[in-house]
Protein backbone atom coordinates (compact mmCIF):
# COMPACT_ATOMS: atom_id res chain seq x y z
CA MET A 1 15.44 26.46 -0.63
CA PRO A 2 12.60 25.68 1.68
CA ASP A 3 11.49 22.28 2.44
CA ALA A 4 7.77 21.14 1.24
CA THR A 5 5.17 21.04 3.49
CA LEU A 6 2.09 20.15 1.07
CA LEU A 7 2.15 17.59 -1.30
CA PRO A 8 2.58 19.24 -4.92
CA GLU A 9 5.59 21.06 -3.39
CA LEU A 10 7.38 17.91 -3.65
CA ILE A 11 7.57 18.09 -7.41
CA ALA A 12 7.78 21.91 -7.40
CA LEU A 13 10.72 22.49 -5.17
CA ALA A 14 12.16 19.29 -7.53
CA ALA A 15 11.78 21.15 -10.47
CA GLN A 16 13.35 24.33 -9.22
CA ARG A 17 16.70 22.49 -8.27
CA ALA A 18 16.69 20.39 -11.20
CA PRO A 19 14.07 21.19 -14.15
CA GLN A 20 15.99 18.81 -16.87
CA ALA A 21 16.25 15.57 -14.37
CA VAL A 22 13.94 12.95 -15.41
CA ALA A 23 10.77 12.79 -13.27
CA LEU A 24 8.64 9.93 -14.82
CA THR A 25 9.22 7.40 -17.30
CA CYS A 26 6.32 5.43 -18.86
CA GLY A 27 7.14 2.94 -21.60
CA LYS A 28 9.60 4.76 -23.90
CA HIS A 29 8.29 8.28 -22.89
CA SER A 30 9.56 10.51 -20.19
CA LEU A 31 8.63 13.44 -18.43
CA THR A 32 11.25 16.09 -16.70
CA TYR A 33 10.56 17.73 -13.40
CA ASP A 34 9.91 20.82 -15.40
CA GLU A 35 7.53 19.51 -17.62
CA LEU A 36 5.79 17.51 -14.69
CA GLN A 37 5.26 20.52 -12.58
CA ASP A 38 3.92 22.57 -15.84
CA ALA A 39 1.50 19.85 -16.34
CA VAL A 40 0.31 19.75 -12.70
CA THR A 41 -0.22 23.15 -12.49
CA ARG A 42 -2.15 23.25 -15.51
CA CYS A 43 -4.48 20.27 -14.20
CA ALA A 44 -5.19 22.43 -11.03
CA ASP A 45 -6.06 25.43 -13.34
CA GLY A 46 -8.50 23.15 -15.53
CA LEU A 47 -10.04 21.68 -11.80
CA ILE A 48 -10.27 25.25 -10.39
CA GLY A 49 -12.22 26.23 -13.83
CA PHE A 50 -14.74 23.56 -13.21
CA GLY A 51 -15.66 25.11 -9.62
CA LEU A 52 -13.88 22.56 -7.36
CA GLN A 53 -14.13 23.59 -3.83
CA ARG A 54 -11.64 23.29 -1.35
CA GLY A 55 -11.55 19.79 -0.17
CA ALA A 56 -13.89 18.26 -3.11
CA ARG A 57 -12.90 14.80 -4.00
CA VAL A 58 -11.24 14.10 -7.42
CA ALA A 59 -11.69 10.55 -8.19
CA ILE A 60 -8.83 8.87 -10.67
CA TYR A 61 -9.70 5.49 -12.57
CA LEU A 62 -6.82 4.94 -14.55
CA GLU A 63 -4.18 2.20 -14.91
CA LYS A 64 -0.19 3.67 -14.05
CA ARG A 65 0.59 6.37 -16.77
CA PHE A 66 1.76 10.16 -16.68
CA GLU A 67 -1.97 11.28 -16.48
CA THR A 68 -2.60 9.71 -13.26
CA VAL A 69 0.25 11.34 -11.62
CA ILE A 70 -0.51 14.45 -12.88
CA ALA A 71 -4.25 14.29 -11.89
CA SER A 72 -3.12 12.82 -8.34
CA PHE A 73 -0.78 16.10 -8.02
CA GLY A 74 -3.16 18.45 -9.69
CA ALA A 75 -6.34 17.79 -7.78
CA PRO A 76 -4.53 18.80 -4.55
CA ALA A 77 -2.67 21.72 -5.97
CA ALA A 78 -6.21 23.25 -6.85
CA GLY A 79 -7.05 22.36 -3.05
CA GLY A 80 -9.20 19.30 -3.86
CA VAL A 81 -8.73 15.81 -2.37
CA PHE A 82 -7.60 12.96 -4.84
CA VAL A 83 -9.28 9.55 -4.47
CA PRO A 84 -7.00 6.72 -6.67
CA LEU A 85 -9.04 3.98 -7.27
CA ASN A 86 -7.14 0.76 -8.20
CA PRO A 87 -7.54 -0.01 -11.85
CA LEU A 88 -8.53 -3.72 -10.96
CA LEU A 89 -11.80 -2.77 -9.57
CA LYS A 90 -15.05 -3.25 -11.35
CA ALA A 91 -17.78 -1.11 -11.83
CA ASP A 92 -19.83 -1.48 -8.79
CA GLN A 93 -16.98 -1.17 -6.61
CA VAL A 94 -15.67 1.85 -8.30
CA ALA A 95 -19.65 3.56 -7.82
CA TYR A 96 -19.72 2.69 -4.22
CA ILE A 97 -16.38 4.58 -3.51
CA LEU A 98 -17.80 7.54 -6.12
CA ARG A 99 -20.86 7.52 -3.61
CA ASP A 100 -19.25 6.93 -0.49
CA CYS A 101 -16.99 9.94 -0.58
CA ASN A 102 -19.21 12.13 -2.77
CA VAL A 103 -16.67 12.44 -5.74
CA ARG A 104 -17.27 15.66 -7.78
CA VAL A 105 -14.78 15.03 -10.64
CA LEU A 106 -13.75 11.82 -12.13
CA VAL A 107 -10.74 11.21 -14.35
CA THR A 108 -10.93 8.26 -16.22
CA SER A 109 -10.31 6.68 -19.90
CA PRO A 110 -12.64 5.92 -22.68
CA GLU A 111 -12.61 2.21 -22.26
CA ARG A 112 -12.83 2.36 -18.31
CA LEU A 113 -15.90 5.27 -18.92
CA ALA A 114 -17.67 2.69 -21.00
CA LEU A 115 -17.30 0.07 -17.88
CA LEU A 116 -18.98 2.70 -15.49
CA ALA A 117 -21.62 3.65 -17.96
CA PRO A 118 -24.20 1.86 -16.21
CA VAL A 119 -23.62 2.93 -12.85
CA LEU A 120 -22.57 6.67 -13.07
CA ALA A 121 -26.41 7.78 -12.65
CA ASP A 122 -26.31 6.12 -9.34
CA CYS A 123 -23.61 8.63 -8.18
CA PRO A 124 -25.35 12.04 -7.33
CA ASP A 125 -22.59 14.02 -6.26
CA LEU A 126 -20.54 13.45 -9.55
CA ARG A 127 -20.68 16.37 -11.97
CA GLN A 128 -17.64 16.18 -14.04
CA VAL A 129 -15.85 13.29 -15.69
CA VAL A 130 -12.39 14.11 -17.65
CA VAL A 131 -11.56 11.72 -20.58
CA LEU A 132 -8.25 10.81 -21.52
CA ASP A 133 -7.92 11.60 -25.19
CA SER A 134 -8.82 9.42 -27.88
CA ALA A 135 -10.70 9.33 -31.19
CA GLN A 136 -13.82 8.47 -29.50
CA PRO A 137 -16.78 10.94 -29.20
CA LEU A 138 -17.61 12.17 -26.02
CA PRO A 139 -20.78 10.81 -24.37
CA SER A 140 -23.22 13.11 -23.12
CA GLY A 141 -26.30 13.43 -21.12
CA ALA A 142 -27.10 11.74 -17.57
CA GLY A 143 -26.60 15.14 -15.94
CA LEU A 144 -22.67 15.07 -16.66
CA GLY A 145 -20.39 17.53 -17.97
CA TYR A 146 -17.69 15.57 -20.38
CA CYS A 147 -14.12 17.13 -21.32
CA ARG A 148 -11.10 15.62 -22.83
CA TRP A 149 -7.87 15.68 -20.68
CA SER A 150 -6.09 17.88 -23.05
CA GLU A 151 -9.22 20.61 -22.62
CA LEU A 152 -8.67 20.28 -19.12
CA LEU A 153 -4.61 21.24 -19.27
CA ALA A 154 -5.73 24.19 -21.79
CA ALA A 155 -7.66 26.17 -19.27
CA PRO A 156 -6.56 29.51 -18.23
CA PRO A 157 -4.59 30.12 -15.13
CA ARG A 158 -6.67 30.50 -11.82
CA ALA A 159 -6.18 31.47 -8.68
CA GLY A 160 -6.44 28.24 -6.04
CA HIS A 161 -7.73 27.52 -2.57
CA ARG A 162 -5.42 28.64 0.15
CA VAL A 163 -4.65 25.06 1.72
CA ILE A 164 -2.48 24.25 4.87
CA ASP A 165 -0.58 20.98 5.90
CA THR A 166 -3.43 19.84 8.19
CA ASP A 167 -5.99 19.81 5.46
CA MET A 168 -7.00 16.70 3.72
CA LEU A 169 -5.32 15.49 0.98
CA ALA A 170 -6.20 12.05 0.00
CA ILE A 171 -8.79 9.16 0.58
CA LEU A 172 -7.14 5.93 0.01
CA TYR A 173 -9.90 2.84 0.13
CA THR A 174 -8.68 -0.25 1.96
CA SER A 175 -10.35 -3.68 2.46
CA GLY A 176 -12.93 -3.54 5.73
CA SER A 177 -13.88 -6.31 7.72
CA THR A 178 -17.59 -5.97 6.79
CA GLY A 179 -16.83 -6.47 3.15
CA LYS A 180 -17.12 -2.64 1.84
CA PRO A 181 -13.92 -1.07 1.50
CA LYS A 182 -13.14 1.95 4.02
CA GLY A 183 -11.66 5.02 3.10
CA VAL A 184 -8.46 6.23 5.14
CA VAL A 185 -8.20 10.21 4.71
CA LEU A 186 -4.61 11.43 4.90
CA SER A 187 -3.57 14.85 5.15
CA HIS A 188 -0.74 16.63 3.19
CA ARG A 189 1.36 16.52 6.61
CA ASN A 190 1.05 12.70 6.81
CA MET A 191 2.35 12.24 3.15
CA VAL A 192 5.12 14.70 3.11
CA ALA A 193 6.30 13.35 6.65
CA GLY A 194 6.00 10.19 5.11
CA ALA A 195 8.23 10.95 2.15
CA LYS A 196 10.91 12.60 4.14
CA SER A 197 10.93 9.52 6.73
CA VAL A 198 11.03 6.51 4.14
CA ALA A 199 13.67 8.67 1.87
CA SER A 200 15.79 9.01 5.00
CA TYR A 201 16.15 5.68 6.06
CA LEU A 202 16.39 4.39 2.37
CA GLU A 203 18.85 6.60 1.55
CA ASN A 204 17.20 7.79 -1.84
CA ARG A 205 19.25 10.44 -3.63
CA PRO A 206 18.67 12.15 -6.81
CA ASP A 207 20.40 9.73 -8.97
CA ASP A 208 17.92 6.99 -8.21
CA THR A 209 15.55 5.14 -10.28
CA LEU A 210 12.59 3.44 -8.49
CA LEU A 211 10.53 0.84 -9.89
CA ALA A 212 6.43 1.79 -9.21
CA ALA A 213 5.39 -1.87 -9.61
CA LEU A 214 2.73 -1.48 -6.57
CA PRO A 215 -0.90 0.15 -7.56
CA LEU A 216 -0.97 3.73 -6.67
CA SER A 217 -4.14 3.16 -5.00
CA PHE A 218 -2.12 1.55 -2.14
CA ASP A 219 -0.23 3.80 0.21
CA ALA A 220 3.31 1.79 -0.33
CA GLY A 221 2.93 2.36 -4.32
CA PHE A 222 1.89 6.03 -3.99
CA SER A 223 4.90 6.24 -1.76
CA GLN A 224 7.39 5.57 -4.55
CA LEU A 225 6.16 9.01 -6.26
CA THR A 226 6.60 10.88 -3.09
CA THR A 227 9.90 9.60 -1.68
CA ALA A 228 11.42 10.08 -5.34
CA PHE A 229 9.82 13.26 -5.81
CA HIS A 230 11.26 14.18 -2.22
CA VAL A 231 14.92 14.01 -3.30
CA GLY A 232 14.23 14.43 -7.30
CA ALA A 233 14.79 10.83 -8.30
CA ARG A 234 13.04 9.00 -11.20
CA VAL A 235 10.08 6.88 -10.97
CA VAL A 236 9.34 4.20 -14.04
CA LEU A 237 5.60 3.33 -14.10
CA LEU A 238 5.08 -0.60 -14.82
CA ASN A 239 1.85 -1.95 -15.42
CA TYR A 240 2.84 -5.86 -15.59
CA LEU A 241 1.23 -9.14 -16.67
CA LEU A 242 3.48 -11.69 -15.30
CA PRO A 243 6.31 -11.38 -12.74
CA ARG A 244 9.00 -11.78 -15.56
CA ASP A 245 8.13 -8.49 -16.98
CA VAL A 246 9.30 -6.74 -13.46
CA LEU A 247 12.71 -8.33 -13.86
CA GLN A 248 12.72 -7.04 -17.82
CA ALA A 249 12.08 -3.56 -16.25
CA LEU A 250 14.53 -3.65 -13.31
CA GLU A 251 17.33 -4.80 -15.79
CA ARG A 252 16.31 -2.39 -18.64
CA GLU A 253 15.82 0.83 -16.69
CA LYS A 254 18.67 -0.09 -14.52
CA VAL A 255 16.25 0.40 -11.26
CA THR A 256 18.15 1.19 -7.72
CA GLY A 257 15.02 0.60 -6.00
CA LEU A 258 11.92 -1.91 -5.45
CA THR A 259 9.43 -2.31 -3.20
CA ALA A 260 6.87 -4.99 -3.42
CA VAL A 261 4.48 -7.00 -1.48
CA PRO A 262 5.62 -10.53 -0.33
CA PRO A 263 3.41 -12.54 -2.86
CA LEU A 264 5.19 -10.93 -5.81
CA TYR A 265 8.73 -11.64 -3.95
CA ILE A 266 7.32 -15.23 -3.81
CA GLN A 267 6.98 -15.57 -7.39
CA LEU A 268 10.03 -13.46 -8.41
CA ALA A 269 12.06 -15.60 -5.99
CA GLN A 270 11.32 -18.78 -8.07
CA LEU A 271 12.90 -16.99 -11.50
CA ASP A 272 16.25 -16.78 -12.49
CA TRP A 273 17.33 -13.22 -12.23
CA PRO A 274 19.86 -11.39 -14.56
CA THR A 275 23.18 -11.23 -13.12
CA SER A 276 23.59 -7.94 -13.85
CA ILE A 277 20.38 -6.47 -11.66
CA THR A 278 22.30 -6.91 -8.30
CA GLU A 279 25.14 -4.45 -9.78
CA HIS A 280 22.55 -1.41 -10.01
CA LEU A 281 19.80 -2.64 -7.78
CA ARG A 282 20.97 -0.74 -4.44
CA TYR A 283 17.62 -1.88 -2.46
CA PHE A 284 14.58 -4.03 -2.05
CA ALA A 285 12.02 -3.53 0.36
CA ASN A 286 8.97 -5.56 1.40
CA THR A 287 5.32 -3.96 2.58
CA GLY A 288 1.96 -5.59 3.15
CA GLY A 289 3.20 -8.56 5.34
CA ARG A 290 6.11 -10.43 6.60
CA MET A 291 8.69 -11.56 3.96
CA PRO A 292 8.91 -15.78 4.14
CA LYS A 293 12.57 -16.44 5.27
CA GLU A 294 12.89 -18.93 2.35
CA THR A 295 11.75 -16.21 -0.15
CA LEU A 296 14.29 -13.70 1.79
CA LEU A 297 17.03 -16.24 1.12
CA ALA A 298 16.45 -16.89 -2.34
CA LEU A 299 16.44 -13.07 -3.08
CA ARG A 300 19.60 -12.43 -1.16
CA ASP A 301 21.19 -15.47 -3.05
CA ARG A 302 20.14 -13.53 -6.33
CA LEU A 303 21.14 -10.26 -5.30
CA PRO A 304 24.31 -10.66 -3.30
CA LYS A 305 25.02 -6.70 -3.57
CA THR A 306 21.65 -5.42 -2.73
CA ARG A 307 20.58 -4.43 0.57
CA PRO A 308 17.04 -5.34 2.22
CA PHE A 309 14.92 -3.53 3.84
CA LEU A 310 12.02 -5.34 5.69
CA MET A 311 9.32 -3.17 6.32
CA TYR A 312 5.82 -2.99 8.12
CA GLY A 313 2.90 -0.46 7.67
CA LEU A 314 -0.54 0.22 7.54
CA THR A 315 -2.54 2.46 5.59
CA GLU A 316 -3.95 4.00 8.57
CA ALA A 317 -0.41 5.52 9.63
CA PHE A 318 1.35 5.17 6.00
CA ARG A 319 4.80 3.58 7.27
CA SER A 320 5.75 2.28 10.93
CA THR A 321 8.77 0.33 10.95
CA PHE A 322 11.80 -1.05 9.16
CA LEU A 323 14.56 -3.65 9.80
CA PRO A 324 17.78 -2.08 8.82
CA PRO A 325 19.89 -4.47 6.54
CA ALA A 326 22.66 -4.88 8.77
CA GLU A 327 20.07 -6.69 11.57
CA VAL A 328 18.61 -8.78 8.82
CA ASP A 329 21.25 -11.80 9.12
CA ARG A 330 20.72 -11.78 13.12
CA ARG A 331 16.93 -10.95 13.24
CA PRO A 332 15.34 -12.29 10.18
CA ASP A 333 11.99 -12.56 11.65
CA SER A 334 11.71 -8.92 12.66
CA ILE A 335 9.96 -6.05 11.37
CA GLY A 336 12.19 -4.00 13.08
CA LYS A 337 11.91 -0.36 14.91
CA ALA A 338 9.99 2.67 14.41
CA ILE A 339 10.83 4.56 11.20
CA PRO A 340 11.92 8.51 11.71
CA ASN A 341 9.64 10.59 13.46
CA ALA A 342 7.28 7.89 14.62
CA GLU A 343 7.12 6.07 17.65
CA ILE A 344 5.63 2.74 18.01
CA LEU A 345 4.21 1.36 20.99
CA VAL A 346 3.17 -2.14 22.36
CA LEU A 347 0.32 -2.08 24.86
CA ARG A 348 -1.76 -4.22 26.69
CA GLU A 349 -5.67 -3.97 26.54
CA ASP A 350 -5.66 -1.57 29.35
CA GLY A 351 -3.23 0.86 27.62
CA THR A 352 -0.15 0.06 30.11
CA PRO A 353 3.16 -0.83 27.91
CA CYS A 354 3.99 -4.38 27.43
CA ALA A 355 6.91 -6.18 29.06
CA PRO A 356 9.64 -7.28 26.67
CA ASN A 357 8.64 -10.09 24.65
CA GLU A 358 5.02 -9.81 26.05
CA THR A 359 2.66 -10.08 23.01
CA GLY A 360 0.37 -6.75 22.66
CA GLU A 361 -1.03 -4.43 20.22
CA LEU A 362 1.01 -2.10 17.84
CA VAL A 363 0.01 1.33 18.50
CA HIS A 364 1.56 4.08 16.61
CA ARG A 365 1.97 7.70 17.37
CA GLY A 366 2.98 10.99 15.69
CA ALA A 367 2.82 12.96 12.58
CA LEU A 368 2.01 9.68 10.28
CA VAL A 369 -1.15 8.93 11.90
CA GLY A 370 -4.07 9.39 9.69
CA MET A 371 -7.20 11.43 9.87
CA GLY A 372 -9.85 8.78 10.19
CA TYR A 373 -12.00 6.41 8.35
CA TRP A 374 -14.32 8.83 6.02
CA ASN A 375 -17.96 8.93 7.13
CA ASP A 376 -17.49 6.27 9.63
CA PRO A 377 -17.19 7.25 13.09
CA GLY A 378 -17.61 4.06 14.45
CA LYS A 379 -14.69 2.58 12.87
CA THR A 380 -12.67 5.60 13.22
CA ALA A 381 -13.25 4.75 17.27
CA GLU A 382 -12.16 1.80 16.88
CA SER A 383 -8.74 2.45 15.40
CA TYR A 384 -8.20 6.05 16.11
CA LYS A 385 -8.10 6.33 19.86
CA PRO A 386 -6.49 8.50 22.28
CA LEU A 387 -3.12 7.69 23.69
CA PRO A 388 -3.45 6.46 27.26
CA ILE A 389 -1.99 8.83 30.17
CA HIS A 390 0.44 6.29 31.48
CA ALA A 391 1.70 5.45 27.77
CA PRO A 392 5.14 6.64 26.64
CA GLY A 393 5.19 10.32 25.45
CA ARG A 394 1.58 11.16 27.14
CA GLU A 395 2.09 13.35 30.10
CA THR A 396 -0.64 13.93 32.70
CA GLY A 397 -0.23 17.69 32.27
CA LEU A 398 -1.43 17.46 29.00
CA VAL A 399 -5.12 18.54 28.58
CA LEU A 400 -5.65 17.89 24.97
CA PRO A 401 -5.80 14.24 24.04
CA GLU A 402 -3.15 12.85 21.20
CA LEU A 403 -4.86 10.66 18.65
CA ALA A 404 -2.64 7.32 18.00
CA VAL A 405 -3.84 4.31 15.78
CA PHE A 406 -4.35 0.72 17.55
CA SER A 407 -3.37 -1.58 14.61
CA GLY A 408 -5.20 -4.57 15.43
CA ASP A 409 -1.89 -5.94 15.02
CA THR A 410 -0.42 -8.45 17.64
CA VAL A 411 3.40 -8.11 18.17
CA LYS A 412 5.88 -8.20 20.39
CA MET A 413 9.06 -6.29 21.24
CA ASP A 414 12.33 -8.13 22.50
CA GLY A 415 14.80 -6.70 25.15
CA ASP A 416 16.54 -4.57 22.37
CA GLY A 417 13.62 -2.92 21.20
CA PHE A 418 12.85 -4.79 18.30
CA LEU A 419 9.59 -5.87 16.98
CA TYR A 420 7.91 -8.86 16.05
CA PHE A 421 4.90 -9.36 14.01
CA VAL A 422 2.62 -12.26 15.39
CA GLY A 423 -0.55 -11.80 13.45
CA ARG A 424 -3.73 -9.85 12.91
CA ARG A 425 -6.09 -9.80 15.70
CA ASP A 426 -8.95 -10.44 13.38
CA GLU A 427 -7.26 -13.24 11.75
CA MET A 428 -5.95 -15.16 14.70
CA MET A 429 -7.25 -18.74 14.24
CA LYS A 430 -8.23 -20.06 17.65
CA THR A 431 -7.91 -24.12 17.51
CA SER A 432 -7.97 -26.58 20.37
CA GLY A 433 -7.81 -23.43 23.02
CA TYR A 434 -4.84 -22.44 21.31
CA ARG A 435 -4.58 -18.86 19.13
CA VAL A 436 -2.56 -19.37 16.09
CA SER A 437 -1.51 -16.94 13.67
CA PRO A 438 -2.02 -17.72 10.01
CA THR A 439 1.54 -16.13 9.12
CA GLU A 440 3.09 -18.55 11.37
CA VAL A 441 1.76 -21.46 9.50
CA GLU A 442 2.34 -20.13 6.17
CA GLU A 443 5.97 -19.30 7.16
CA ILE A 444 6.72 -22.80 8.28
CA LEU A 445 4.98 -24.06 4.60
CA TYR A 446 7.44 -22.03 3.03
CA GLU A 447 10.09 -23.02 4.86
CA THR A 448 9.47 -26.93 3.72
CA LYS A 449 10.26 -25.39 -0.24
CA LEU A 450 7.25 -27.68 -1.10
CA VAL A 451 4.50 -25.19 -2.13
CA GLY A 452 4.62 -21.96 -4.44
CA GLU A 453 2.38 -19.68 -2.68
CA CYS A 454 -0.14 -20.75 0.27
CA VAL A 455 -2.71 -19.00 2.60
CA ALA A 456 -3.81 -20.47 6.01
CA PHE A 457 -7.11 -19.38 7.69
CA GLY A 458 -9.72 -20.68 10.41
CA VAL A 459 -12.67 -23.14 9.31
CA GLU A 460 -15.37 -23.48 11.80
CA HIS A 461 -14.92 -26.65 13.77
CA PRO A 462 -17.78 -28.44 16.03
CA THR A 463 -14.86 -29.95 18.53
CA LEU A 464 -11.60 -27.85 17.56
CA GLY A 465 -13.34 -24.26 17.70
CA GLN A 466 -11.66 -23.71 14.18
CA ALA A 467 -9.66 -26.23 11.92
CA ILE A 468 -6.62 -25.01 10.07
CA GLN A 469 -7.07 -24.95 6.70
CA VAL A 470 -4.59 -24.36 3.85
CA ILE A 471 -4.66 -23.57 0.31
CA ALA A 472 -1.29 -23.96 -1.54
CA THR A 473 -0.07 -23.74 -5.11
CA PRO A 474 2.63 -26.30 -6.40
CA PRO A 475 6.58 -24.83 -6.44
CA LEU A 476 7.43 -23.45 -10.11
CA ASP A 477 7.66 -26.34 -12.44
CA GLY A 478 6.87 -29.00 -9.73
CA MET A 479 4.34 -30.81 -8.09
CA LEU A 480 2.73 -30.43 -4.71
CA ASP A 481 2.97 -33.86 -2.75
CA VAL A 482 0.34 -33.28 0.12
CA GLU A 483 1.19 -36.05 2.10
CA ALA A 484 4.87 -35.10 2.20
CA LEU A 485 3.93 -31.52 3.08
CA LEU A 486 1.90 -32.64 5.89
CA ALA A 487 4.76 -34.93 7.09
CA GLU A 488 7.14 -31.97 7.09
CA CYS A 489 4.23 -30.06 9.06
CA ARG A 490 4.13 -32.36 11.48
CA ALA A 491 7.68 -32.55 11.81
CA ARG A 492 7.95 -28.76 12.44
CA MET A 493 4.78 -27.51 14.19
CA PRO A 494 3.20 -28.74 17.43
CA ALA A 495 -0.10 -30.60 16.59
CA TYR A 496 -2.58 -28.12 17.11
CA MET A 497 -0.94 -26.37 14.39
CA VAL A 498 -0.65 -28.87 11.84
CA PRO A 499 -3.45 -28.08 8.96
CA ALA A 500 -6.62 -30.24 9.04
CA GLY A 501 -6.84 -29.72 5.15
CA ILE A 502 -4.50 -28.54 2.50
CA GLU A 503 -6.13 -28.10 -0.98
CA VAL A 504 -3.99 -27.85 -3.88
CA ARG A 505 -4.74 -25.26 -6.62
CA GLN A 506 -2.75 -23.86 -9.56
CA GLY A 507 -1.08 -20.65 -9.03
CA PRO A 508 -1.20 -17.70 -9.03
CA LEU A 509 -3.93 -17.18 -5.79
CA PRO A 510 -6.02 -14.24 -6.10
CA ARG A 511 -4.97 -10.84 -5.05
CA ASN A 512 -6.78 -8.14 -3.55
CA PRO A 513 -6.72 -4.78 -5.19
CA ASN A 514 -3.44 -4.11 -3.37
CA GLY A 515 -1.74 -7.20 -4.32
CA LYS A 516 -1.74 -9.63 -1.18
CA ILE A 517 -3.28 -12.94 -1.46
CA ASP A 518 -6.77 -12.57 -0.91
CA ARG A 519 -7.37 -14.74 2.71
CA LYS A 520 -10.77 -13.26 3.11
CA LEU A 521 -11.97 -14.11 -0.53
CA LEU A 522 -10.34 -17.81 0.08
CA SER A 523 -11.59 -18.35 3.23
CA SER A 524 -15.15 -17.41 2.39
CA GLU A 525 -15.30 -20.27 -0.09
CA PHE A 526 -15.34 -22.49 3.43
CA ALA A 527 -17.64 -20.48 5.34
CA PRO A 528 -20.72 -22.27 6.42
CA GLN A 529 -23.83 -22.05 3.96
């Protein structure tokens, strides 16, 4: 059987291999691969019936549910580009994205459409709104066409556009340094290559059940779908309110693979886990930041039979590194080595490779490197740069340049080739002449076991340059003793790293749309007025 080259083929080929295998579960309902493939095809037929052109954008503003997945695969099956919108976004944020990438079709629910009603008139490229079925009447006016989801899926078959694997597939919006999100453009090749790579090292197989706990607008969240569909596994869609809901889903659905961000794992590690989970949870993996040591130790204590995969990735290149479980005890601080079919370099500012244990910028090259930021040549030129001639893998006789992603992350590589995250270049704190990583400060705070969650950032200071400020929550069912925490900091940190201020707040700390603790939002409260 041929291998997938386009995203919708992941489902189509799985349906050919095992049509009655369960592809998706949401609540008490499930869809087989055959049913999912049929719905994706009918969704594509309906979108083509709207006159959707090749490369036109289809935005999806829904929580995790069957229709979200169907539309995400149906839009590219029609030759379009899907734009997943985090369901936590507010109306003005949604409108900004709809305008920024010239969305033509919006798929949403009646409740979310009501929230968007005041802003849709400011989205001049929007032509059609598909609304999930309900008893509520469809709106009219504002120059927009409206139809129900069932009407979209009832459209007659139509021929689609020709698409190849280097065509645009998706635009994923991620936090930007200027306050406005950036649209990362990914191709079919990017996502399909990523699915194959991740599934290979996680050893995913048809009898797996993966829990989709992360937002599908987040690259690692959507990856739960692509890796599962590549091997014909099942995905459980979960919209949770509390961390305990995640534990209940793991137990109820006999989940075999869980991927989440460190803030969720920090909360999960403070809960009592049903002992049965480790009997079927084959692996847990992190993304979106380094896992604190104490959190990792607590999880491994609760999951003695479950393999930990420590991962690092960036939306611009989907996924970059992973640490094999066999190395976790020896190198718990490492983000591992390059994933299959990717090369990770550590380069100096002049483009030359760093020596072992010398800090430099993490640079990602290969099939997973994205297509740039939508409609933003300036930011694209900052992150997507030609690979220097003298970099590994780049020969002087090659005439055409190869673009790689320059991550902005500072890392170092040891003599055995294992990578270690040092910090984000734009988040590094400069205090008393020292460059300090907020991640390093947070790691030590977690080691004290005196905090629940914490975030560190720099605040302007007249003599230090920046003073280190920390916001922390008490541990579960406990109190936070600031003086005791500062005493631990002085015992564990050099003097220049000890926080100048610790503010205690009740948790959880605010998250950005991808579920990470929102360092930028919290630090803005301390910015000079």
